[in-house]
C-alpha cells in the first residue's frame, strides 16, 4: 500500500547509495574517454536491474538459503563502508576502468551496483514493495536528468560543492546503516 513517508525515505536512501551527484566527476571522465554517453539507455538498464532485483532478489536469496534479515544485516555493512568512503574520501571498493560507458560501468555497477541492489533488498525488509518501486522510478528520473546535464551541474556547484553533498549523504547513509543493522539483528535472534 502507498505510503508517502516510505516513498520519501526509500528515495533518500537510494539517492544516497546511488550517489549520482558524487559520481558526476566519474561521468564527466567517462564522457571524455568514450565520447557520447547514452543517458536514456543507462537509465533504463539501471532501472530495470533495480526493479528486477526488487521482485526476484528475495527468491534468488532463498535459492541459496539466505533469509532477508541476514541479507539486510550484510547489506548494512556494505552501506556502512560506502558511507565511510563518502565521508572520509577514501576508496574501499575498486572497479576496473571501462571501455564502453552507457551500460558498463554507468548502468552497472555505478548506478545499479552491489550497494544499490543490496540496499533494495535491505529496505524491502522494512518498506512495502510498491513504495520502493516508486522510489526507484523517482531516482531514475533524477539520474537521467543528472546524466543529461552533468557538465552544467559541475560548473554550477563546483568540485567543492560535490564534495559537500557527498559528505552530507555519507552521514545520512551511515545513520541508515546503523538503523538497518540494529533493526534486523534483533529479528534474527
N, C-alpha and C. Protein backbone atom coordinates (compact mmCIF):
# COMPACT_ATOMS: atom_id res chain seq x y z
N UNK A 1 0.82 -1.18 0.00
CA UNK A 1 0.00 0.00 0.00
C UNK A 1 0.88 1.25 0.00
N UNK A 2 0.39 2.27 -0.69
CA UNK A 2 1.15 3.50 -0.86
C UNK A 2 1.30 4.25 0.46
N UNK A 3 2.54 4.66 0.74
CA UNK A 3 2.84 5.43 1.94
C UNK A 3 3.89 6.47 1.56
N UNK A 4 3.49 7.74 1.59
CA UNK A 4 4.38 8.82 1.14
C UNK A 4 5.67 8.87 1.96
N UNK A 5 5.57 8.65 3.28
CA UNK A 5 6.76 8.67 4.13
C UNK A 5 7.75 7.58 3.70
N UNK A 6 7.23 6.37 3.41
CA UNK A 6 8.11 5.28 2.96
C UNK A 6 8.73 5.60 1.61
N UNK A 7 7.95 6.19 0.69
CA UNK A 7 8.48 6.57 -0.63
C UNK A 7 9.62 7.57 -0.46
N UNK A 8 9.40 8.59 0.38
CA UNK A 8 10.42 9.62 0.58
C UNK A 8 11.67 9.04 1.25
N UNK A 9 11.47 8.21 2.27
CA UNK A 9 12.62 7.62 2.96
C UNK A 9 13.40 6.70 2.03
N UNK A 10 12.69 5.82 1.33
CA UNK A 10 13.35 4.91 0.39
C UNK A 10 14.06 5.69 -0.71
N UNK A 11 13.43 6.79 -1.17
CA UNK A 11 14.06 7.62 -2.20
C UNK A 11 15.37 8.23 -1.70
N UNK A 12 15.35 8.72 -0.47
CA UNK A 12 16.56 9.32 0.10
C UNK A 12 17.66 8.28 0.30
N UNK A 13 17.27 7.09 0.77
CA UNK A 13 18.26 6.02 0.95
C UNK A 13 18.89 5.68 -0.40
N UNK A 14 18.06 5.46 -1.41
CA UNK A 14 18.59 5.11 -2.73
C UNK A 14 19.40 6.26 -3.32
N UNK A 15 18.94 7.48 -3.11
CA UNK A 15 19.68 8.64 -3.60
C UNK A 15 21.09 8.67 -3.00
N UNK A 16 21.16 8.40 -1.70
CA UNK A 16 22.47 8.41 -1.03
C UNK A 16 23.36 7.28 -1.53
N UNK A 17 22.78 6.10 -1.75
CA UNK A 17 23.59 4.96 -2.19
C UNK A 17 24.01 5.10 -3.65
N UNK A 18 23.06 5.50 -4.50
CA UNK A 18 23.40 5.68 -5.92
C UNK A 18 24.43 6.79 -6.07
N UNK A 19 24.30 7.85 -5.28
CA UNK A 19 25.25 8.96 -5.24
C UNK A 19 25.59 9.49 -6.63
N UNK A 20 24.54 9.78 -7.40
CA UNK A 20 24.75 10.25 -8.77
C UNK A 20 25.43 11.62 -8.80
N UNK A 21 25.16 12.46 -7.81
CA UNK A 21 25.83 13.77 -7.75
C UNK A 21 27.33 13.57 -7.50
N UNK A 22 27.66 12.69 -6.57
CA UNK A 22 29.06 12.40 -6.29
C UNK A 22 29.76 11.70 -7.44
N UNK A 23 28.97 11.11 -8.33
CA UNK A 23 29.53 10.41 -9.49
C UNK A 23 29.74 11.32 -10.69
N UNK A 24 29.35 12.58 -10.58
CA UNK A 24 29.50 13.50 -11.72
C UNK A 24 30.94 13.55 -12.23
N UNK A 25 31.95 13.62 -11.35
CA UNK A 25 33.33 13.61 -11.89
C UNK A 25 33.64 12.33 -12.68
N UNK A 26 33.12 11.19 -12.24
CA UNK A 26 33.32 9.92 -12.96
C UNK A 26 32.60 9.96 -14.29
N UNK A 27 31.37 10.48 -14.29
CA UNK A 27 30.57 10.57 -15.51
C UNK A 27 31.27 11.47 -16.53
N UNK A 28 31.78 12.60 -16.06
CA UNK A 28 32.48 13.53 -16.96
C UNK A 28 33.74 12.88 -17.52
N UNK A 29 34.46 12.15 -16.67
CA UNK A 29 35.66 11.44 -17.12
C UNK A 29 35.31 10.38 -18.16
N UNK A 30 34.22 9.63 -17.92
CA UNK A 30 33.78 8.62 -18.89
C UNK A 30 33.40 9.26 -20.21
N UNK A 31 32.71 10.38 -20.12
CA UNK A 31 32.29 11.10 -21.33
C UNK A 31 33.51 11.52 -22.15
N UNK A 32 34.56 11.96 -21.45
CA UNK A 32 35.79 12.37 -22.15
C UNK A 32 36.49 11.16 -22.80
N UNK A 33 36.48 10.01 -22.09
CA UNK A 33 37.17 8.82 -22.59
C UNK A 33 36.46 8.16 -23.76
N UNK A 34 35.12 8.06 -23.69
CA UNK A 34 34.40 7.30 -24.71
C UNK A 34 33.53 8.16 -25.61
N UNK A 35 33.52 9.46 -25.39
CA UNK A 35 32.70 10.33 -26.22
C UNK A 35 31.29 10.45 -25.68
N UNK A 36 30.32 10.00 -26.44
CA UNK A 36 28.90 10.15 -26.08
C UNK A 36 28.45 9.06 -25.11
N UNK A 37 27.71 9.47 -24.09
CA UNK A 37 27.08 8.52 -23.16
C UNK A 37 25.59 8.53 -23.46
N UNK A 38 25.02 7.34 -23.63
CA UNK A 38 23.58 7.24 -23.90
C UNK A 38 22.83 7.27 -22.57
N UNK A 39 22.41 8.47 -22.19
CA UNK A 39 21.74 8.66 -20.89
C UNK A 39 20.47 7.83 -20.76
N UNK A 40 19.68 7.77 -21.84
CA UNK A 40 18.42 7.01 -21.80
C UNK A 40 18.69 5.53 -21.57
N UNK A 41 19.63 4.98 -22.32
CA UNK A 41 19.95 3.56 -22.21
C UNK A 41 20.49 3.22 -20.82
N UNK A 42 21.41 4.03 -20.32
CA UNK A 42 21.99 3.80 -19.00
C UNK A 42 20.91 3.83 -17.92
N UNK A 43 20.01 4.81 -18.02
CA UNK A 43 18.95 4.95 -17.02
C UNK A 43 17.98 3.78 -17.07
N UNK A 44 17.56 3.39 -18.27
CA UNK A 44 16.61 2.28 -18.42
C UNK A 44 17.19 0.96 -17.94
N UNK A 45 18.44 0.70 -18.29
CA UNK A 45 19.08 -0.55 -17.86
C UNK A 45 19.24 -0.60 -16.35
N UNK A 46 19.69 0.50 -15.76
CA UNK A 46 19.85 0.55 -14.29
C UNK A 46 18.51 0.39 -13.60
N UNK A 47 17.49 1.08 -14.08
CA UNK A 47 16.15 0.98 -13.50
C UNK A 47 15.59 -0.43 -13.61
N UNK A 48 15.77 -1.06 -14.76
CA UNK A 48 15.28 -2.43 -14.97
C UNK A 48 15.99 -3.40 -14.03
N UNK A 49 17.30 -3.23 -13.85
CA UNK A 49 18.05 -4.09 -12.93
C UNK A 49 17.51 -3.95 -11.50
N UNK A 50 17.27 -2.71 -11.08
CA UNK A 50 16.79 -2.48 -9.72
C UNK A 50 15.38 -3.03 -9.50
N UNK A 51 14.49 -2.80 -10.47
CA UNK A 51 13.11 -3.30 -10.35
C UNK A 51 13.12 -4.83 -10.35
N UNK A 52 13.91 -5.43 -11.23
CA UNK A 52 14.00 -6.90 -11.28
C UNK A 52 14.52 -7.45 -9.96
N UNK A 53 15.54 -6.82 -9.40
CA UNK A 53 16.10 -7.29 -8.13
C UNK A 53 15.11 -7.09 -6.99
N UNK A 54 14.30 -6.04 -7.07
CA UNK A 54 13.28 -5.81 -6.05
C UNK A 54 12.29 -6.97 -6.00
N UNK A 55 11.92 -7.49 -7.18
CA UNK A 55 10.91 -8.54 -7.23
C UNK A 55 11.45 -9.96 -7.16
N UNK A 56 12.65 -10.21 -7.71
CA UNK A 56 13.16 -11.60 -7.69
C UNK A 56 14.39 -11.78 -6.81
N UNK A 57 14.87 -10.69 -6.24
CA UNK A 57 16.07 -10.78 -5.39
C UNK A 57 15.89 -11.70 -4.20
N UNK A 58 14.72 -11.62 -3.56
CA UNK A 58 14.46 -12.46 -2.39
C UNK A 58 14.41 -13.94 -2.78
N UNK A 59 13.82 -14.23 -3.93
CA UNK A 59 13.76 -15.62 -4.40
C UNK A 59 15.17 -16.14 -4.70
N UNK A 60 16.00 -15.27 -5.26
CA UNK A 60 17.39 -15.66 -5.51
C UNK A 60 18.10 -16.00 -4.20
N UNK A 61 17.82 -15.21 -3.16
CA UNK A 61 18.42 -15.48 -1.85
C UNK A 61 17.94 -16.82 -1.29
N UNK A 62 16.63 -17.06 -1.40
CA UNK A 62 16.08 -18.33 -0.91
C UNK A 62 16.70 -19.51 -1.63
N UNK A 63 16.98 -19.32 -2.90
CA UNK A 63 17.60 -20.38 -3.71
C UNK A 63 18.95 -20.80 -3.13
N UNK A 64 19.68 -19.84 -2.56
CA UNK A 64 20.98 -20.15 -1.96
C UNK A 64 20.90 -20.26 -0.44
N UNK A 65 19.68 -20.20 0.11
CA UNK A 65 19.50 -20.44 1.54
C UNK A 65 19.79 -19.29 2.47
N UNK A 66 19.52 -18.05 2.03
CA UNK A 66 19.77 -16.88 2.87
C UNK A 66 18.45 -16.17 3.12
N UNK A 67 18.16 -15.81 4.38
CA UNK A 67 16.93 -15.08 4.67
C UNK A 67 17.17 -13.57 4.51
N UNK A 68 16.07 -12.82 4.38
CA UNK A 68 16.16 -11.38 4.11
C UNK A 68 16.84 -10.64 5.26
N UNK A 69 16.59 -11.05 6.51
CA UNK A 69 17.20 -10.36 7.64
C UNK A 69 18.73 -10.51 7.61
N UNK A 70 19.22 -11.70 7.29
CA UNK A 70 20.68 -11.90 7.19
C UNK A 70 21.25 -11.04 6.08
N UNK A 71 20.53 -10.99 4.95
CA UNK A 71 20.98 -10.18 3.83
C UNK A 71 20.96 -8.70 4.20
N UNK A 72 19.93 -8.30 4.98
CA UNK A 72 19.83 -6.90 5.41
C UNK A 72 20.98 -6.52 6.34
N UNK A 73 21.36 -7.44 7.23
CA UNK A 73 22.50 -7.18 8.13
C UNK A 73 23.78 -7.07 7.30
N UNK A 74 23.95 -8.00 6.36
CA UNK A 74 25.13 -7.93 5.48
C UNK A 74 25.10 -6.64 4.67
N UNK A 75 23.91 -6.27 4.19
CA UNK A 75 23.76 -5.03 3.43
C UNK A 75 24.08 -3.81 4.27
N UNK A 76 23.78 -3.86 5.56
CA UNK A 76 24.09 -2.73 6.42
C UNK A 76 25.60 -2.52 6.51
N UNK A 77 26.38 -3.62 6.45
CA UNK A 77 27.84 -3.49 6.44
C UNK A 77 28.31 -2.80 5.16
N UNK A 78 27.72 -3.19 4.02
CA UNK A 78 28.10 -2.56 2.74
C UNK A 78 27.75 -1.08 2.78
N UNK A 79 26.54 -0.76 3.27
CA UNK A 79 26.16 0.65 3.38
C UNK A 79 27.10 1.41 4.31
N UNK A 80 27.52 0.74 5.39
CA UNK A 80 28.46 1.36 6.34
C UNK A 80 29.76 1.72 5.62
N UNK A 81 30.30 0.77 4.85
CA UNK A 81 31.57 1.04 4.16
C UNK A 81 31.41 2.06 3.04
N UNK A 82 30.26 2.03 2.33
CA UNK A 82 30.00 3.06 1.32
C UNK A 82 29.94 4.44 1.98
N UNK A 83 29.28 4.51 3.15
CA UNK A 83 29.20 5.78 3.87
C UNK A 83 30.58 6.25 4.29
N UNK A 84 31.42 5.33 4.75
CA UNK A 84 32.78 5.70 5.16
C UNK A 84 33.57 6.24 3.97
N UNK A 85 33.38 5.62 2.79
CA UNK A 85 34.03 6.13 1.57
C UNK A 85 33.60 7.58 1.32
N UNK A 86 32.29 7.82 1.43
CA UNK A 86 31.76 9.15 1.13
C UNK A 86 32.24 10.19 2.15
N UNK A 87 32.25 9.81 3.41
CA UNK A 87 32.61 10.76 4.48
C UNK A 87 34.11 11.03 4.50
N UNK A 88 34.90 9.96 4.43
CA UNK A 88 36.35 10.10 4.57
C UNK A 88 37.08 10.38 3.26
N UNK A 89 36.39 10.17 2.14
CA UNK A 89 37.02 10.40 0.85
C UNK A 89 38.06 9.35 0.48
N UNK A 90 37.94 8.16 1.07
CA UNK A 90 38.84 7.06 0.72
C UNK A 90 38.09 6.08 -0.17
N UNK A 91 38.83 5.28 -0.90
CA UNK A 91 38.21 4.31 -1.77
C UNK A 91 38.43 2.90 -1.24
N UNK A 92 37.33 2.24 -0.89
CA UNK A 92 37.39 0.87 -0.39
C UNK A 92 37.07 -0.10 -1.51
N UNK A 93 36.02 0.22 -2.29
CA UNK A 93 35.62 -0.63 -3.41
C UNK A 93 36.31 -0.14 -4.67
N UNK A 94 36.96 -1.03 -5.39
CA UNK A 94 37.66 -0.66 -6.62
C UNK A 94 37.05 -1.37 -7.81
N UNK A 95 36.79 -0.63 -8.89
CA UNK A 95 36.26 -1.18 -10.12
C UNK A 95 37.30 -1.02 -11.22
N UNK A 96 37.22 -1.89 -12.23
CA UNK A 96 38.12 -1.78 -13.37
C UNK A 96 37.70 -0.60 -14.24
N UNK A 97 38.63 -0.07 -15.01
CA UNK A 97 38.32 1.03 -15.91
C UNK A 97 37.55 0.51 -17.13
N UNK A 98 36.57 1.26 -17.59
CA UNK A 98 35.72 0.80 -18.68
C UNK A 98 36.25 1.12 -20.06
N UNK A 99 35.73 0.39 -21.04
CA UNK A 99 35.98 0.74 -22.43
C UNK A 99 34.73 1.33 -23.06
N UNK A 100 33.56 0.86 -22.64
CA UNK A 100 32.30 1.45 -23.05
C UNK A 100 31.65 2.02 -21.81
N UNK A 101 30.71 2.92 -22.00
CA UNK A 101 30.25 3.61 -20.81
C UNK A 101 28.75 3.54 -20.52
N UNK A 102 27.89 3.38 -21.49
CA UNK A 102 26.46 3.52 -21.24
C UNK A 102 25.90 2.43 -20.34
N UNK A 103 26.24 1.18 -20.60
CA UNK A 103 25.72 0.10 -19.76
C UNK A 103 26.74 -0.26 -18.68
N UNK A 104 27.94 -0.60 -19.09
CA UNK A 104 29.01 -0.93 -18.13
C UNK A 104 30.06 0.16 -18.27
N UNK A 105 30.41 0.88 -17.26
CA UNK A 105 30.08 0.79 -15.85
C UNK A 105 29.00 1.75 -15.41
N UNK A 106 28.37 2.50 -16.32
CA UNK A 106 27.43 3.52 -15.89
C UNK A 106 26.16 2.91 -15.28
N UNK A 107 25.42 2.11 -16.06
CA UNK A 107 24.20 1.50 -15.52
C UNK A 107 24.55 0.49 -14.43
N UNK A 108 25.54 -0.33 -14.71
CA UNK A 108 26.02 -1.31 -13.74
C UNK A 108 27.54 -1.32 -13.80
N UNK A 109 28.25 -1.09 -12.74
CA UNK A 109 27.86 -1.01 -11.35
C UNK A 109 27.74 0.40 -10.78
N UNK A 110 27.93 1.46 -11.58
CA UNK A 110 27.92 2.81 -11.00
C UNK A 110 26.55 3.19 -10.43
N UNK A 111 25.48 3.01 -11.22
CA UNK A 111 24.14 3.39 -10.74
C UNK A 111 23.50 2.21 -9.99
N UNK A 112 23.41 1.07 -10.64
CA UNK A 112 22.78 -0.11 -10.02
C UNK A 112 23.86 -1.13 -9.65
N UNK A 113 24.71 -0.76 -8.73
CA UNK A 113 25.80 -1.63 -8.31
C UNK A 113 25.41 -2.50 -7.14
N UNK A 114 26.40 -3.15 -6.58
CA UNK A 114 26.17 -4.06 -5.46
C UNK A 114 25.55 -3.34 -4.27
N UNK A 115 26.01 -2.13 -3.99
CA UNK A 115 25.46 -1.37 -2.88
C UNK A 115 24.00 -1.03 -3.09
N UNK A 116 23.64 -0.64 -4.31
CA UNK A 116 22.25 -0.30 -4.62
C UNK A 116 21.35 -1.53 -4.54
N UNK A 117 21.79 -2.63 -5.15
CA UNK A 117 20.97 -3.85 -5.13
C UNK A 117 20.83 -4.40 -3.72
N UNK A 118 21.89 -4.35 -2.95
CA UNK A 118 21.82 -4.78 -1.55
C UNK A 118 20.86 -3.89 -0.78
N UNK A 119 20.92 -2.59 -1.03
CA UNK A 119 20.05 -1.64 -0.35
C UNK A 119 18.58 -1.93 -0.67
N UNK A 120 18.29 -2.23 -1.92
CA UNK A 120 16.90 -2.52 -2.31
C UNK A 120 16.35 -3.68 -1.51
N UNK A 121 17.12 -4.75 -1.39
CA UNK A 121 16.64 -5.89 -0.59
C UNK A 121 16.62 -5.56 0.89
N UNK A 122 17.57 -4.77 1.33
CA UNK A 122 17.63 -4.41 2.74
C UNK A 122 16.41 -3.59 3.14
N UNK A 123 16.06 -2.59 2.35
CA UNK A 123 14.90 -1.77 2.70
C UNK A 123 13.60 -2.50 2.43
N UNK A 124 13.66 -3.53 1.61
CA UNK A 124 12.46 -4.34 1.36
C UNK A 124 12.02 -5.06 2.64
N UNK A 125 12.97 -5.28 3.53
CA UNK A 125 12.64 -5.91 4.81
C UNK A 125 11.82 -4.97 5.69
N UNK A 126 11.83 -3.65 5.39
CA UNK A 126 11.11 -2.68 6.21
C UNK A 126 9.98 -1.96 5.49
N UNK A 127 10.07 -1.80 4.16
CA UNK A 127 9.10 -1.00 3.42
C UNK A 127 8.31 -1.85 2.42
N UNK A 128 7.14 -1.35 2.05
CA UNK A 128 6.29 -2.04 1.08
C UNK A 128 6.93 -1.96 -0.31
N UNK A 129 6.79 -3.02 -1.09
CA UNK A 129 7.41 -3.13 -2.41
C UNK A 129 6.99 -1.99 -3.34
N UNK A 130 5.71 -1.62 -3.32
CA UNK A 130 5.22 -0.53 -4.17
C UNK A 130 5.95 0.77 -3.88
N UNK A 131 6.16 1.07 -2.61
CA UNK A 131 6.83 2.32 -2.23
C UNK A 131 8.29 2.32 -2.69
N UNK A 132 8.94 1.16 -2.62
CA UNK A 132 10.33 1.06 -3.09
C UNK A 132 10.37 1.22 -4.61
N UNK A 133 9.42 0.61 -5.31
CA UNK A 133 9.37 0.73 -6.78
C UNK A 133 9.20 2.19 -7.19
N UNK A 134 8.32 2.90 -6.49
CA UNK A 134 8.13 4.33 -6.79
C UNK A 134 9.42 5.10 -6.51
N UNK A 135 10.10 4.76 -5.42
CA UNK A 135 11.37 5.41 -5.08
C UNK A 135 12.42 5.15 -6.15
N UNK A 136 12.44 3.93 -6.69
CA UNK A 136 13.39 3.61 -7.77
C UNK A 136 13.10 4.46 -9.00
N UNK A 137 11.82 4.55 -9.38
CA UNK A 137 11.44 5.35 -10.55
C UNK A 137 11.82 6.83 -10.34
N UNK A 138 11.53 7.36 -9.16
CA UNK A 138 11.89 8.76 -8.87
C UNK A 138 13.40 8.97 -8.98
N UNK A 139 14.17 8.03 -8.45
CA UNK A 139 15.63 8.14 -8.54
C UNK A 139 16.11 8.03 -9.97
N UNK A 140 15.48 7.17 -10.78
CA UNK A 140 15.90 7.03 -12.17
C UNK A 140 15.60 8.29 -12.97
N UNK A 141 14.50 8.96 -12.65
CA UNK A 141 14.20 10.25 -13.30
C UNK A 141 15.30 11.26 -12.96
N UNK A 142 15.68 11.29 -11.68
CA UNK A 142 16.74 12.21 -11.26
C UNK A 142 18.08 11.83 -11.89
N UNK A 143 18.38 10.52 -11.92
CA UNK A 143 19.63 10.05 -12.54
C UNK A 143 19.68 10.48 -14.00
N UNK A 144 18.58 10.31 -14.72
CA UNK A 144 18.53 10.71 -16.13
C UNK A 144 18.82 12.20 -16.29
N UNK A 145 18.18 13.01 -15.45
CA UNK A 145 18.39 14.46 -15.53
C UNK A 145 19.85 14.81 -15.24
N UNK A 146 20.46 14.13 -14.28
CA UNK A 146 21.87 14.40 -13.95
C UNK A 146 22.78 13.96 -15.10
N UNK A 147 22.51 12.78 -15.67
CA UNK A 147 23.33 12.31 -16.79
C UNK A 147 23.26 13.28 -17.97
N UNK A 148 22.06 13.78 -18.23
CA UNK A 148 21.88 14.71 -19.35
C UNK A 148 22.57 16.06 -19.11
N UNK A 149 22.67 16.47 -17.84
CA UNK A 149 23.20 17.81 -17.56
C UNK A 149 24.42 17.78 -16.64
N UNK A 150 25.20 16.72 -16.68
CA UNK A 150 26.34 16.58 -15.77
C UNK A 150 27.38 17.70 -15.91
N UNK A 151 27.63 18.13 -17.13
CA UNK A 151 28.62 19.19 -17.32
C UNK A 151 28.13 20.52 -16.73
N UNK A 152 26.84 20.82 -16.90
CA UNK A 152 26.27 22.05 -16.34
C UNK A 152 26.29 22.00 -14.82
N UNK A 153 25.94 20.85 -14.25
CA UNK A 153 25.91 20.70 -12.79
C UNK A 153 27.30 20.92 -12.20
N UNK A 154 28.31 20.34 -12.85
CA UNK A 154 29.67 20.51 -12.34
C UNK A 154 30.07 21.97 -12.34
N UNK A 155 29.71 22.69 -13.41
CA UNK A 155 30.04 24.11 -13.48
C UNK A 155 29.32 24.92 -12.40
N UNK A 156 28.06 24.55 -12.11
CA UNK A 156 27.25 25.31 -11.15
C UNK A 156 27.73 25.10 -9.71
N UNK A 157 27.84 23.83 -9.27
CA UNK A 157 28.18 23.60 -7.86
C UNK A 157 29.67 23.41 -7.61
N UNK A 158 30.42 23.15 -8.64
CA UNK A 158 31.87 23.03 -8.50
C UNK A 158 32.29 21.77 -7.76
N UNK A 159 33.58 21.52 -7.76
CA UNK A 159 34.10 20.31 -7.12
C UNK A 159 33.89 20.32 -5.61
N UNK A 160 34.06 21.48 -4.99
CA UNK A 160 33.87 21.55 -3.53
C UNK A 160 32.40 21.32 -3.17
N UNK A 161 31.48 21.82 -3.98
CA UNK A 161 30.06 21.58 -3.75
C UNK A 161 29.71 20.11 -3.85
N UNK A 162 30.28 19.42 -4.83
CA UNK A 162 30.06 17.98 -4.99
C UNK A 162 30.59 17.24 -3.76
N UNK A 163 31.75 17.65 -3.27
CA UNK A 163 32.33 17.01 -2.08
C UNK A 163 31.46 17.21 -0.84
N UNK A 164 30.88 18.40 -0.69
CA UNK A 164 30.00 18.67 0.46
C UNK A 164 28.76 17.78 0.39
N UNK A 165 28.14 17.70 -0.80
CA UNK A 165 26.95 16.85 -0.98
C UNK A 165 27.28 15.40 -0.66
N UNK A 166 28.43 14.93 -1.13
CA UNK A 166 28.86 13.56 -0.86
C UNK A 166 28.99 13.29 0.63
N UNK A 167 29.60 14.20 1.34
CA UNK A 167 29.82 14.00 2.79
C UNK A 167 28.50 14.04 3.56
N UNK A 168 27.61 14.95 3.21
CA UNK A 168 26.31 15.02 3.88
C UNK A 168 25.54 13.72 3.67
N UNK A 169 25.48 13.23 2.43
CA UNK A 169 24.76 11.99 2.18
C UNK A 169 25.50 10.78 2.75
N UNK A 170 26.79 10.90 2.92
CA UNK A 170 27.55 9.84 3.59
C UNK A 170 27.12 9.69 5.04
N UNK A 171 26.92 10.81 5.72
CA UNK A 171 26.48 10.77 7.12
C UNK A 171 25.06 10.20 7.21
N UNK A 172 24.18 10.61 6.29
CA UNK A 172 22.81 10.08 6.26
C UNK A 172 22.86 8.56 6.04
N UNK A 173 23.70 8.14 5.10
CA UNK A 173 23.83 6.71 4.79
C UNK A 173 24.39 5.93 5.98
N UNK A 174 25.32 6.51 6.71
CA UNK A 174 25.88 5.87 7.89
C UNK A 174 24.80 5.64 8.95
N UNK A 175 23.97 6.65 9.18
CA UNK A 175 22.87 6.53 10.14
C UNK A 175 21.88 5.45 9.71
N UNK A 176 21.59 5.39 8.42
CA UNK A 176 20.68 4.37 7.89
C UNK A 176 21.28 2.97 8.08
N UNK A 177 22.57 2.84 7.84
CA UNK A 177 23.24 1.55 8.00
C UNK A 177 23.14 1.06 9.44
N UNK A 178 23.34 1.95 10.39
CA UNK A 178 23.24 1.59 11.81
C UNK A 178 21.81 1.17 12.15
N UNK A 179 20.83 1.94 11.66
CA UNK A 179 19.43 1.62 11.92
C UNK A 179 19.05 0.25 11.34
N UNK A 180 19.47 -0.02 10.10
CA UNK A 180 19.16 -1.31 9.47
C UNK A 180 19.83 -2.46 10.22
N UNK A 181 21.06 -2.25 10.66
CA UNK A 181 21.77 -3.30 11.39
C UNK A 181 21.03 -3.62 12.69
N UNK A 182 20.74 -2.60 13.48
CA UNK A 182 20.09 -2.80 14.77
C UNK A 182 18.71 -3.43 14.61
N UNK A 183 17.91 -2.91 13.66
CA UNK A 183 16.56 -3.43 13.45
C UNK A 183 16.53 -4.87 13.00
N UNK A 184 17.44 -5.25 12.11
CA UNK A 184 17.42 -6.62 11.57
C UNK A 184 18.16 -7.62 12.43
N UNK A 185 19.16 -7.19 13.18
CA UNK A 185 19.87 -8.12 14.07
C UNK A 185 18.93 -8.59 15.18
N UNK A 186 18.02 -7.70 15.63
CA UNK A 186 17.02 -8.08 16.63
C UNK A 186 16.09 -9.16 16.09
N UNK A 187 15.69 -9.03 14.81
CA UNK A 187 14.78 -10.00 14.21
C UNK A 187 15.43 -11.37 14.02
N UNK A 188 16.75 -11.39 13.91
CA UNK A 188 17.44 -12.66 13.70
C UNK A 188 17.50 -13.49 14.99
N UNK A 189 17.47 -12.80 16.14
CA UNK A 189 17.62 -13.51 17.40
C UNK A 189 16.37 -13.48 18.17
